[in-house]
mmCIF file of all heavy atoms, coordinates in Angstrom:
data_MODEL
# 
_entry.id   MODEL 
# 
loop_
_atom_site.group_PDB 
_atom_site.id 
_atom_site.type_symbol 
_atom_site.label_atom_id 
_atom_site.label_alt_id 
_atom_site.label_comp_id 
_atom_site.label_asym_id 
_atom_site.label_entity_id 
_atom_site.label_seq_id 
_atom_site.pdbx_PDB_ins_code 
_atom_site.Cartn_x 
_atom_site.Cartn_y 
_atom_site.Cartn_z 
_atom_site.occupancy 
_atom_site.B_iso_or_equiv 
_atom_site.pdbx_formal_charge 
_atom_site.auth_seq_id 
_atom_site.auth_comp_id 
_atom_site.auth_asym_id 
_atom_site.auth_atom_id 
_atom_site.pdbx_PDB_model_num 
ATOM 1   N N   . ASN A 1 1  ? -82.358 -1.716 -2.302 1.00 0.00 ? 1  ASN A N   1 
ATOM 2   C CA  . ASN A 1 1  ? -81.969 -1.179 -3.604 1.00 0.00 ? 1  ASN A CA  1 
ATOM 3   C C   . ASN A 1 1  ? -80.649 -0.413 -3.491 1.00 0.00 ? 1  ASN A C   1 
ATOM 4   O O   . ASN A 1 1  ? -80.363 0.223  -2.469 1.00 0.00 ? 1  ASN A O   1 
ATOM 5   C CB  . ASN A 1 1  ? -83.065 -0.272 -4.162 1.00 0.00 ? 1  ASN A CB  1 
ATOM 6   C CG  . ASN A 1 1  ? -84.294 -1.060 -4.583 1.00 0.00 ? 1  ASN A CG  1 
ATOM 7   O OD1 . ASN A 1 1  ? -84.227 -2.279 -4.778 1.00 0.00 ? 1  ASN A OD1 1 
ATOM 8   N ND2 . ASN A 1 1  ? -85.428 -0.395 -4.715 1.00 0.00 ? 1  ASN A ND2 1 
ATOM 9   N N   . THR A 1 2  ? -79.861 -0.471 -4.539 1.00 0.00 ? 2  THR A N   1 
ATOM 10  C CA  . THR A 1 2  ? -78.491 0.053  -4.483 1.00 0.00 ? 2  THR A CA  1 
ATOM 11  C C   . THR A 1 2  ? -78.252 1.267  -5.382 1.00 0.00 ? 2  THR A C   1 
ATOM 12  O O   . THR A 1 2  ? -77.114 1.702  -5.543 1.00 0.00 ? 2  THR A O   1 
ATOM 13  C CB  . THR A 1 2  ? -77.493 -1.057 -4.870 1.00 0.00 ? 2  THR A CB  1 
ATOM 14  O OG1 . THR A 1 2  ? -77.818 -1.542 -6.192 1.00 0.00 ? 2  THR A OG1 1 
ATOM 15  C CG2 . THR A 1 2  ? -77.560 -2.216 -3.892 1.00 0.00 ? 2  THR A CG2 1 
ATOM 16  N N   . GLY A 1 3  ? -79.312 1.796  -5.970 1.00 0.00 ? 3  GLY A N   1 
ATOM 17  C CA  . GLY A 1 3  ? -79.158 2.981  -6.811 1.00 0.00 ? 3  GLY A CA  1 
ATOM 18  C C   . GLY A 1 3  ? -79.261 4.252  -5.985 1.00 0.00 ? 3  GLY A C   1 
ATOM 19  O O   . GLY A 1 3  ? -78.673 4.355  -4.907 1.00 0.00 ? 3  GLY A O   1 
ATOM 20  N N   . LEU A 1 4  ? -80.010 5.223  -6.459 1.00 0.00 ? 4  LEU A N   1 
ATOM 21  C CA  . LEU A 1 4  ? -80.168 6.494  -5.756 1.00 0.00 ? 4  LEU A CA  1 
ATOM 22  C C   . LEU A 1 4  ? -80.815 6.277  -4.394 1.00 0.00 ? 4  LEU A C   1 
ATOM 23  O O   . LEU A 1 4  ? -81.797 5.548  -4.267 1.00 0.00 ? 4  LEU A O   1 
ATOM 24  C CB  . LEU A 1 4  ? -81.033 7.444  -6.588 1.00 0.00 ? 4  LEU A CB  1 
ATOM 25  C CG  . LEU A 1 4  ? -81.272 8.839  -5.982 1.00 0.00 ? 4  LEU A CG  1 
ATOM 26  C CD1 . LEU A 1 4  ? -80.001 9.676  -6.057 1.00 0.00 ? 4  LEU A CD1 1 
ATOM 27  C CD2 . LEU A 1 4  ? -82.423 9.549  -6.693 1.00 0.00 ? 4  LEU A CD2 1 
ATOM 28  N N   . HIS A 1 5  ? -80.264 6.937  -3.367 1.00 0.00 ? 5  HIS A N   1 
ATOM 29  C CA  . HIS A 1 5  ? -80.897 6.971  -2.048 1.00 0.00 ? 5  HIS A CA  1 
ATOM 30  C C   . HIS A 1 5  ? -81.742 8.248  -2.011 1.00 0.00 ? 5  HIS A C   1 
ATOM 31  O O   . HIS A 1 5  ? -81.197 9.360  -2.013 1.00 0.00 ? 5  HIS A O   1 
ATOM 32  C CB  . HIS A 1 5  ? -79.840 6.988  -0.944 1.00 0.00 ? 5  HIS A CB  1 
ATOM 33  C CG  . HIS A 1 5  ? -79.058 5.710  -0.856 1.00 0.00 ? 5  HIS A CG  1 
ATOM 34  N ND1 . HIS A 1 5  ? -79.403 4.671  -0.014 1.00 0.00 ? 5  HIS A ND1 1 
ATOM 35  C CD2 . HIS A 1 5  ? -77.966 5.294  -1.523 1.00 0.00 ? 5  HIS A CD2 1 
ATOM 36  C CE1 . HIS A 1 5  ? -78.544 3.685  -0.146 1.00 0.00 ? 5  HIS A CE1 1 
ATOM 37  N NE2 . HIS A 1 5  ? -77.657 4.034  -1.074 1.00 0.00 ? 5  HIS A NE2 1 
ATOM 38  N N   . PHE A 1 6  ? -83.050 8.070  -1.976 1.00 0.00 ? 6  PHE A N   1 
ATOM 39  C CA  . PHE A 1 6  ? -83.984 9.182  -2.116 1.00 0.00 ? 6  PHE A CA  1 
ATOM 40  C C   . PHE A 1 6  ? -84.719 9.402  -0.804 1.00 0.00 ? 6  PHE A C   1 
ATOM 41  O O   . PHE A 1 6  ? -85.428 8.517  -0.325 1.00 0.00 ? 6  PHE A O   1 
ATOM 42  C CB  . PHE A 1 6  ? -84.967 8.879  -3.252 1.00 0.00 ? 6  PHE A CB  1 
ATOM 43  C CG  . PHE A 1 6  ? -86.004 9.937  -3.482 1.00 0.00 ? 6  PHE A CG  1 
ATOM 44  C CD1 . PHE A 1 6  ? -85.656 11.281 -3.559 1.00 0.00 ? 6  PHE A CD1 1 
ATOM 45  C CD2 . PHE A 1 6  ? -87.345 9.598  -3.658 1.00 0.00 ? 6  PHE A CD2 1 
ATOM 46  C CE1 . PHE A 1 6  ? -86.610 12.256 -3.782 1.00 0.00 ? 6  PHE A CE1 1 
ATOM 47  C CE2 . PHE A 1 6  ? -88.304 10.557 -3.891 1.00 0.00 ? 6  PHE A CE2 1 
ATOM 48  C CZ  . PHE A 1 6  ? -87.940 11.888 -3.954 1.00 0.00 ? 6  PHE A CZ  1 
ATOM 49  N N   . GLN A 1 7  ? -84.527 10.571 -0.204 1.00 0.00 ? 7  GLN A N   1 
ATOM 50  C CA  . GLN A 1 7  ? -85.195 10.925 1.049  1.00 0.00 ? 7  GLN A CA  1 
ATOM 51  C C   . GLN A 1 7  ? -86.279 11.969 0.770  1.00 0.00 ? 7  GLN A C   1 
ATOM 52  O O   . GLN A 1 7  ? -86.023 12.976 0.108  1.00 0.00 ? 7  GLN A O   1 
ATOM 53  C CB  . GLN A 1 7  ? -84.213 11.501 2.069  1.00 0.00 ? 7  GLN A CB  1 
ATOM 54  C CG  . GLN A 1 7  ? -83.199 10.508 2.596  1.00 0.00 ? 7  GLN A CG  1 
ATOM 55  C CD  . GLN A 1 7  ? -82.159 10.120 1.570  1.00 0.00 ? 7  GLN A CD  1 
ATOM 56  O OE1 . GLN A 1 7  ? -81.962 8.936  1.304  1.00 0.00 ? 7  GLN A OE1 1 
ATOM 57  N NE2 . GLN A 1 7  ? -81.500 11.103 0.959  1.00 0.00 ? 7  GLN A NE2 1 
ATOM 58  N N   . VAL A 1 8  ? -87.474 11.720 1.295  1.00 0.00 ? 8  VAL A N   1 
ATOM 59  C CA  . VAL A 1 8  ? -88.583 12.659 1.154  1.00 0.00 ? 8  VAL A CA  1 
ATOM 60  C C   . VAL A 1 8  ? -88.910 13.217 2.538  1.00 0.00 ? 8  VAL A C   1 
ATOM 61  O O   . VAL A 1 8  ? -89.208 12.452 3.465  1.00 0.00 ? 8  VAL A O   1 
ATOM 62  C CB  . VAL A 1 8  ? -89.824 11.977 0.562  1.00 0.00 ? 8  VAL A CB  1 
ATOM 63  C CG1 . VAL A 1 8  ? -90.928 13.006 0.326  1.00 0.00 ? 8  VAL A CG1 1 
ATOM 64  C CG2 . VAL A 1 8  ? -89.489 11.249 -0.728 1.00 0.00 ? 8  VAL A CG2 1 
ATOM 65  N N   . ALA A 1 9  ? -88.846 14.530 2.689  1.00 0.00 ? 9  ALA A N   1 
ATOM 66  C CA  . ALA A 1 9  ? -89.156 15.169 3.971  1.00 0.00 ? 9  ALA A CA  1 
ATOM 67  C C   . ALA A 1 9  ? -90.654 15.479 4.025  1.00 0.00 ? 9  ALA A C   1 
ATOM 68  O O   . ALA A 1 9  ? -91.141 16.332 3.286  1.00 0.00 ? 9  ALA A O   1 
ATOM 69  C CB  . ALA A 1 9  ? -88.336 16.447 4.134  1.00 0.00 ? 9  ALA A CB  1 
ATOM 70  N N   . LEU A 1 10 ? -91.371 14.758 4.901  1.00 0.00 ? 10 LEU A N   1 
ATOM 71  C CA  . LEU A 1 10 ? -92.819 14.909 5.045  1.00 0.00 ? 10 LEU A CA  1 
ATOM 72  C C   . LEU A 1 10 ? -93.158 15.255 6.496  1.00 0.00 ? 10 LEU A C   1 
ATOM 73  O O   . LEU A 1 10 ? -92.674 14.596 7.410  1.00 0.00 ? 10 LEU A O   1 
ATOM 74  C CB  . LEU A 1 10 ? -93.540 13.614 4.662  1.00 0.00 ? 10 LEU A CB  1 
ATOM 75  C CG  . LEU A 1 10 ? -93.439 13.168 3.203  1.00 0.00 ? 10 LEU A CG  1 
ATOM 76  C CD1 . LEU A 1 10 ? -94.107 11.811 3.026  1.00 0.00 ? 10 LEU A CD1 1 
ATOM 77  C CD2 . LEU A 1 10 ? -94.097 14.194 2.283  1.00 0.00 ? 10 LEU A CD2 1 
ATOM 78  N N   . ASN A 1 11 ? -93.991 16.267 6.673  1.00 0.00 ? 11 ASN A N   1 
ATOM 79  C CA  . ASN A 1 11 ? -94.240 16.808 8.012  1.00 0.00 ? 11 ASN A CA  1 
ATOM 80  C C   . ASN A 1 11 ? -92.901 16.955 8.726  1.00 0.00 ? 11 ASN A C   1 
ATOM 81  O O   . ASN A 1 11 ? -92.718 16.522 9.864  1.00 0.00 ? 11 ASN A O   1 
ATOM 82  C CB  . ASN A 1 11 ? -95.182 15.930 8.835  1.00 0.00 ? 11 ASN A CB  1 
ATOM 83  C CG  . ASN A 1 11 ? -95.671 16.658 10.084 1.00 0.00 ? 11 ASN A CG  1 
ATOM 84  O OD1 . ASN A 1 11 ? -95.821 17.875 10.095 1.00 0.00 ? 11 ASN A OD1 1 
ATOM 85  N ND2 . ASN A 1 11 ? -95.882 15.918 11.162 1.00 0.00 ? 11 ASN A ND2 1 
ATOM 86  N N   . TYR A 1 12 ? -91.964 17.570 8.005  1.00 0.00 ? 12 TYR A N   1 
ATOM 87  C CA  . TYR A 1 12 ? -90.600 17.736 8.506  1.00 0.00 ? 12 TYR A CA  1 
ATOM 88  C C   . TYR A 1 12 ? -90.339 19.191 8.861  1.00 0.00 ? 12 TYR A C   1 
ATOM 89  O O   . TYR A 1 12 ? -90.683 20.101 8.114  1.00 0.00 ? 12 TYR A O   1 
ATOM 90  C CB  . TYR A 1 12 ? -89.582 17.288 7.452  1.00 0.00 ? 12 TYR A CB  1 
ATOM 91  C CG  . TYR A 1 12 ? -88.152 17.534 7.876  1.00 0.00 ? 12 TYR A CG  1 
ATOM 92  C CD1 . TYR A 1 12 ? -87.457 16.581 8.608  1.00 0.00 ? 12 TYR A CD1 1 
ATOM 93  C CD2 . TYR A 1 12 ? -87.512 18.739 7.583  1.00 0.00 ? 12 TYR A CD2 1 
ATOM 94  C CE1 . TYR A 1 12 ? -86.148 16.809 9.033  1.00 0.00 ? 12 TYR A CE1 1 
ATOM 95  C CE2 . TYR A 1 12 ? -86.205 18.982 8.005  1.00 0.00 ? 12 TYR A CE2 1 
ATOM 96  C CZ  . TYR A 1 12 ? -85.540 18.005 8.728  1.00 0.00 ? 12 TYR A CZ  1 
ATOM 97  O OH  . TYR A 1 12 ? -84.257 18.240 9.150  1.00 0.00 ? 12 TYR A OH  1 
ATOM 98  N N   . GLY A 1 13 ? -89.724 19.385 9.998  1.00 0.00 ? 13 GLY A N   1 
ATOM 99  C CA  . GLY A 1 13 ? -89.185 20.675 10.410 1.00 0.00 ? 13 GLY A CA  1 
ATOM 100 C C   . GLY A 1 13 ? -87.923 20.383 11.188 1.00 0.00 ? 13 GLY A C   1 
ATOM 101 O O   . GLY A 1 13 ? -87.920 19.510 12.064 1.00 0.00 ? 13 GLY A O   1 
ATOM 102 N N   . SER A 1 14 ? -86.855 21.086 10.895 1.00 0.00 ? 14 SER A N   1 
ATOM 103 C CA  . SER A 1 14 ? -85.579 20.770 11.523 1.00 0.00 ? 14 SER A CA  1 
ATOM 104 C C   . SER A 1 14 ? -85.618 20.984 13.039 1.00 0.00 ? 14 SER A C   1 
ATOM 105 O O   . SER A 1 14 ? -85.050 20.197 13.804 1.00 0.00 ? 14 SER A O   1 
ATOM 106 C CB  . SER A 1 14 ? -84.469 21.624 10.911 1.00 0.00 ? 14 SER A CB  1 
ATOM 107 O OG  . SER A 1 14 ? -83.201 21.205 11.374 1.00 0.00 ? 14 SER A OG  1 
ATOM 108 N N   . ARG A 1 15 ? -86.291 22.025 13.491 1.00 0.00 ? 15 ARG A N   1 
ATOM 109 C CA  . ARG A 1 15 ? -86.376 22.254 14.938 1.00 0.00 ? 15 ARG A CA  1 
ATOM 110 C C   . ARG A 1 15 ? -87.153 21.123 15.611 1.00 0.00 ? 15 ARG A C   1 
ATOM 111 O O   . ARG A 1 15 ? -86.764 20.646 16.684 1.00 0.00 ? 15 ARG A O   1 
ATOM 112 C CB  . ARG A 1 15 ? -87.027 23.610 15.217 1.00 0.00 ? 15 ARG A CB  1 
ATOM 113 C CG  . ARG A 1 15 ? -86.155 24.795 14.834 1.00 0.00 ? 15 ARG A CG  1 
ATOM 114 C CD  . ARG A 1 15 ? -86.830 26.120 15.140 1.00 0.00 ? 15 ARG A CD  1 
ATOM 115 N NE  . ARG A 1 15 ? -85.942 27.247 14.870 1.00 0.00 ? 15 ARG A NE  1 
ATOM 116 C CZ  . ARG A 1 15 ? -86.281 28.523 15.078 1.00 0.00 ? 15 ARG A CZ  1 
ATOM 117 N NH1 . ARG A 1 15 ? -87.485 28.813 15.548 1.00 0.00 ? 15 ARG A NH1 1 
ATOM 118 N NH2 . ARG A 1 15 ? -85.423 29.494 14.808 1.00 0.00 ? 15 ARG A NH2 1 
ATOM 119 N N   . ASP A 1 16 ? -88.229 20.699 14.975 1.00 0.00 ? 16 ASP A N   1 
ATOM 120 C CA  . ASP A 1 16 ? -88.996 19.568 15.500 1.00 0.00 ? 16 ASP A CA  1 
ATOM 121 C C   . ASP A 1 16 ? -88.136 18.311 15.544 1.00 0.00 ? 16 ASP A C   1 
ATOM 122 O O   . ASP A 1 16 ? -88.147 17.558 16.527 1.00 0.00 ? 16 ASP A O   1 
ATOM 123 C CB  . ASP A 1 16 ? -90.230 19.329 14.624 1.00 0.00 ? 16 ASP A CB  1 
ATOM 124 C CG  . ASP A 1 16 ? -91.004 18.086 15.024 1.00 0.00 ? 16 ASP A CG  1 
ATOM 125 O OD1 . ASP A 1 16 ? -91.673 18.114 16.072 1.00 0.00 ? 16 ASP A OD1 1 
ATOM 126 O OD2 . ASP A 1 16 ? -90.931 17.078 14.290 1.00 0.00 ? 16 ASP A OD2 1 
ATOM 127 N N   . GLU A 1 17 ? -87.367 18.078 14.474 1.00 0.00 ? 17 GLU A N   1 
ATOM 128 C CA  . GLU A 1 17 ? -86.476 16.926 14.412 1.00 0.00 ? 17 GLU A CA  1 
ATOM 129 C C   . GLU A 1 17 ? -85.470 16.950 15.550 1.00 0.00 ? 17 GLU A C   1 
ATOM 130 O O   . GLU A 1 17 ? -85.231 15.918 16.211 1.00 0.00 ? 17 GLU A O   1 
ATOM 131 C CB  . GLU A 1 17 ? -85.747 16.908 13.068 1.00 0.00 ? 17 GLU A CB  1 
ATOM 132 C CG  . GLU A 1 17 ? -84.708 15.799 12.931 1.00 0.00 ? 17 GLU A CG  1 
ATOM 133 C CD  . GLU A 1 17 ? -83.807 15.987 11.718 1.00 0.00 ? 17 GLU A CD  1 
ATOM 134 O OE1 . GLU A 1 17 ? -83.546 17.154 11.337 1.00 0.00 ? 17 GLU A OE1 1 
ATOM 135 O OE2 . GLU A 1 17 ? -83.362 14.971 11.166 1.00 0.00 ? 17 GLU A OE2 1 
ATOM 136 N N   . MET A 1 18 ? -84.882 18.115 15.801 1.00 0.00 ? 18 MET A N   1 
ATOM 137 C CA  . MET A 1 18 ? -83.860 18.218 16.841 1.00 0.00 ? 18 MET A CA  1 
ATOM 138 C C   . MET A 1 18 ? -84.449 18.047 18.238 1.00 0.00 ? 18 MET A C   1 
ATOM 139 O O   . MET A 1 18 ? -83.825 17.440 19.112 1.00 0.00 ? 18 MET A O   1 
ATOM 140 C CB  . MET A 1 18 ? -83.105 19.538 16.695 1.00 0.00 ? 18 MET A CB  1 
ATOM 141 C CG  . MET A 1 18 ? -82.181 19.552 15.477 1.00 0.00 ? 18 MET A CG  1 
ATOM 142 S SD  . MET A 1 18 ? -81.022 20.955 15.424 1.00 0.00 ? 18 MET A SD  1 
ATOM 143 C CE  . MET A 1 18 ? -82.092 22.250 14.834 1.00 0.00 ? 18 MET A CE  1 
ATOM 144 N N   . ILE A 1 19 ? -85.652 18.555 18.451 1.00 0.00 ? 19 ILE A N   1 
ATOM 145 C CA  . ILE A 1 19 ? -86.311 18.365 19.748 1.00 0.00 ? 19 ILE A CA  1 
ATOM 146 C C   . ILE A 1 19 ? -86.626 16.889 19.967 1.00 0.00 ? 19 ILE A C   1 
ATOM 147 O O   . ILE A 1 19 ? -86.401 16.341 21.057 1.00 0.00 ? 19 ILE A O   1 
ATOM 148 C CB  . ILE A 1 19 ? -87.589 19.223 19.833 1.00 0.00 ? 19 ILE A CB  1 
ATOM 149 C CG1 . ILE A 1 19 ? -87.205 20.700 19.962 1.00 0.00 ? 19 ILE A CG1 1 
ATOM 150 C CG2 . ILE A 1 19 ? -88.454 18.791 21.020 1.00 0.00 ? 19 ILE A CG2 1 
ATOM 151 C CD1 . ILE A 1 19 ? -88.372 21.648 19.845 1.00 0.00 ? 19 ILE A CD1 1 
ATOM 152 N N   . ARG A 1 20 ? -87.149 16.231 18.920 1.00 0.00 ? 20 ARG A N   1 
ATOM 153 C CA  . ARG A 1 20 ? -87.434 14.798 19.044 1.00 0.00 ? 20 ARG A CA  1 
ATOM 154 C C   . ARG A 1 20 ? -86.148 14.008 19.324 1.00 0.00 ? 20 ARG A C   1 
ATOM 155 O O   . ARG A 1 20 ? -86.144 13.057 20.122 1.00 0.00 ? 20 ARG A O   1 
ATOM 156 C CB  . ARG A 1 20 ? -88.113 14.275 17.770 1.00 0.00 ? 20 ARG A CB  1 
ATOM 157 C CG  . ARG A 1 20 ? -89.541 14.731 17.603 1.00 0.00 ? 20 ARG A CG  1 
ATOM 158 C CD  . ARG A 1 20 ? -90.245 14.074 16.436 1.00 0.00 ? 20 ARG A CD  1 
ATOM 159 N NE  . ARG A 1 20 ? -89.847 14.594 15.148 1.00 0.00 ? 20 ARG A NE  1 
ATOM 160 C CZ  . ARG A 1 20 ? -89.099 13.961 14.265 1.00 0.00 ? 20 ARG A CZ  1 
ATOM 161 N NH1 . ARG A 1 20 ? -88.646 12.741 14.529 1.00 0.00 ? 20 ARG A NH1 1 
ATOM 162 N NH2 . ARG A 1 20 ? -88.801 14.516 13.098 1.00 0.00 ? 20 ARG A NH2 1 
ATOM 163 N N   . ALA A 1 21 ? -85.055 14.415 18.681 1.00 0.00 ? 21 ALA A N   1 
ATOM 164 C CA  . ALA A 1 21 ? -83.771 13.750 18.907 1.00 0.00 ? 21 ALA A CA  1 
ATOM 165 C C   . ALA A 1 21 ? -83.297 13.951 20.342 1.00 0.00 ? 21 ALA A C   1 
ATOM 166 O O   . ALA A 1 21 ? -82.812 13.014 20.993 1.00 0.00 ? 21 ALA A O   1 
ATOM 167 C CB  . ALA A 1 21 ? -82.729 14.279 17.922 1.00 0.00 ? 21 ALA A CB  1 
ATOM 168 N N   . MET A 1 22 ? -83.451 15.173 20.850 1.00 0.00 ? 22 MET A N   1 
ATOM 169 C CA  . MET A 1 22 ? -83.021 15.462 22.221 1.00 0.00 ? 22 MET A CA  1 
ATOM 170 C C   . MET A 1 22 ? -83.838 14.667 23.231 1.00 0.00 ? 22 MET A C   1 
ATOM 171 O O   . MET A 1 22 ? -83.294 14.158 24.227 1.00 0.00 ? 22 MET A O   1 
ATOM 172 C CB  . MET A 1 22 ? -83.143 16.964 22.496 1.00 0.00 ? 22 MET A CB  1 
ATOM 173 C CG  . MET A 1 22 ? -82.112 17.813 21.775 1.00 0.00 ? 22 MET A CG  1 
ATOM 174 S SD  . MET A 1 22 ? -82.297 19.578 22.119 1.00 0.00 ? 22 MET A SD  1 
ATOM 175 C CE  . MET A 1 22 ? -81.841 19.618 23.846 1.00 0.00 ? 22 MET A CE  1 
ATOM 176 N N   . ARG A 1 23 ? -85.126 14.548 22.992 1.00 0.00 ? 23 ARG A N   1 
ATOM 177 C CA  . ARG A 1 23 ? -85.966 13.763 23.901 1.00 0.00 ? 23 ARG A CA  1 
ATOM 178 C C   . ARG A 1 23 ? -85.545 12.294 23.915 1.00 0.00 ? 23 ARG A C   1 
ATOM 179 O O   . ARG A 1 23 ? -85.455 11.672 24.979 1.00 0.00 ? 23 ARG A O   1 
ATOM 180 C CB  . ARG A 1 23 ? -87.437 13.879 23.488 1.00 0.00 ? 23 ARG A CB  1 
ATOM 181 C CG  . ARG A 1 23 ? -88.054 15.238 23.799 1.00 0.00 ? 23 ARG A CG  1 
ATOM 182 C CD  . ARG A 1 23 ? -89.434 15.360 23.198 1.00 0.00 ? 23 ARG A CD  1 
ATOM 183 N NE  . ARG A 1 23 ? -90.071 16.632 23.546 1.00 0.00 ? 23 ARG A NE  1 
ATOM 184 C CZ  . ARG A 1 23 ? -91.130 17.127 22.932 1.00 0.00 ? 23 ARG A CZ  1 
ATOM 185 N NH1 . ARG A 1 23 ? -91.691 16.463 21.924 1.00 0.00 ? 23 ARG A NH1 1 
ATOM 186 N NH2 . ARG A 1 23 ? -91.642 18.279 23.315 1.00 0.00 ? 23 ARG A NH2 1 
ATOM 187 N N   . ALA A 1 24 ? -85.287 11.748 22.727 1.00 0.00 ? 24 ALA A N   1 
ATOM 188 C CA  . ALA A 1 24 ? -84.870 10.346 22.632 1.00 0.00 ? 24 ALA A CA  1 
ATOM 189 C C   . ALA A 1 24 ? -83.515 10.126 23.293 1.00 0.00 ? 24 ALA A C   1 
ATOM 190 O O   . ALA A 1 24 ? -83.310 9.145  24.021 1.00 0.00 ? 24 ALA A O   1 
ATOM 191 C CB  . ALA A 1 24 ? -84.828 9.908  21.166 1.00 0.00 ? 24 ALA A CB  1 
ATOM 192 N N   . MET A 1 25 ? -82.586 11.045 23.066 1.00 0.00 ? 25 MET A N   1 
ATOM 193 C CA  . MET A 1 25 ? -81.262 10.920 23.667 1.00 0.00 ? 25 MET A CA  1 
ATOM 194 C C   . MET A 1 25 ? -81.343 11.111 25.176 1.00 0.00 ? 25 MET A C   1 
ATOM 195 O O   . MET A 1 25 ? -80.675 10.392 25.943 1.00 0.00 ? 25 MET A O   1 
ATOM 196 C CB  . MET A 1 25 ? -80.295 11.935 23.045 1.00 0.00 ? 25 MET A CB  1 
ATOM 197 C CG  . MET A 1 25 ? -78.851 11.741 23.494 1.00 0.00 ? 25 MET A CG  1 
ATOM 198 S SD  . MET A 1 25 ? -77.666 12.735 22.536 1.00 0.00 ? 25 MET A SD  1 
ATOM 199 C CE  . MET A 1 25 ? -78.130 14.384 23.056 1.00 0.00 ? 25 MET A CE  1 
ATOM 200 N N   . GLY A 1 26 ? -82.178 12.063 25.626 1.00 0.00 ? 26 GLY A N   1 
ATOM 201 C CA  . GLY A 1 26 ? -82.350 12.282 27.058 1.00 0.00 ? 26 GLY A CA  1 
ATOM 202 C C   . GLY A 1 26 ? -82.909 11.048 27.756 1.00 0.00 ? 26 GLY A C   1 
ATOM 203 O O   . GLY A 1 26 ? -82.498 10.708 28.867 1.00 0.00 ? 26 GLY A O   1 
ATOM 204 N N   . LYS A 1 27 ? -83.835 10.378 27.097 1.00 0.00 ? 27 LYS A N   1 
ATOM 205 C CA  . LYS A 1 27 ? -84.411 9.150  27.648 1.00 0.00 ? 27 LYS A CA  1 
ATOM 206 C C   . LYS A 1 27 ? -83.339 8.075  27.790 1.00 0.00 ? 27 LYS A C   1 
ATOM 207 O O   . LYS A 1 27 ? -83.261 7.380  28.822 1.00 0.00 ? 27 LYS A O   1 
ATOM 208 C CB  . LYS A 1 27 ? -85.548 8.655  26.748 1.00 0.00 ? 27 LYS A CB  1 
ATOM 209 C CG  . LYS A 1 27 ? -86.305 7.442  27.256 1.00 0.00 ? 27 LYS A CG  1 
ATOM 210 C CD  . LYS A 1 27 ? -87.514 7.171  26.375 1.00 0.00 ? 27 LYS A CD  1 
ATOM 211 C CE  . LYS A 1 27 ? -88.326 5.982  26.895 1.00 0.00 ? 27 LYS A CE  1 
ATOM 212 N NZ  . LYS A 1 27 ? -87.599 4.708  26.747 1.00 0.00 ? 27 LYS A NZ  1 
# 
């Protein structure tokens, strides 16, 4: 779809997101 890009944050926490990102990048 090409209209609004709608993001819903569910079970979201920025610190959790960054830790998960660091683990993936570290791997």
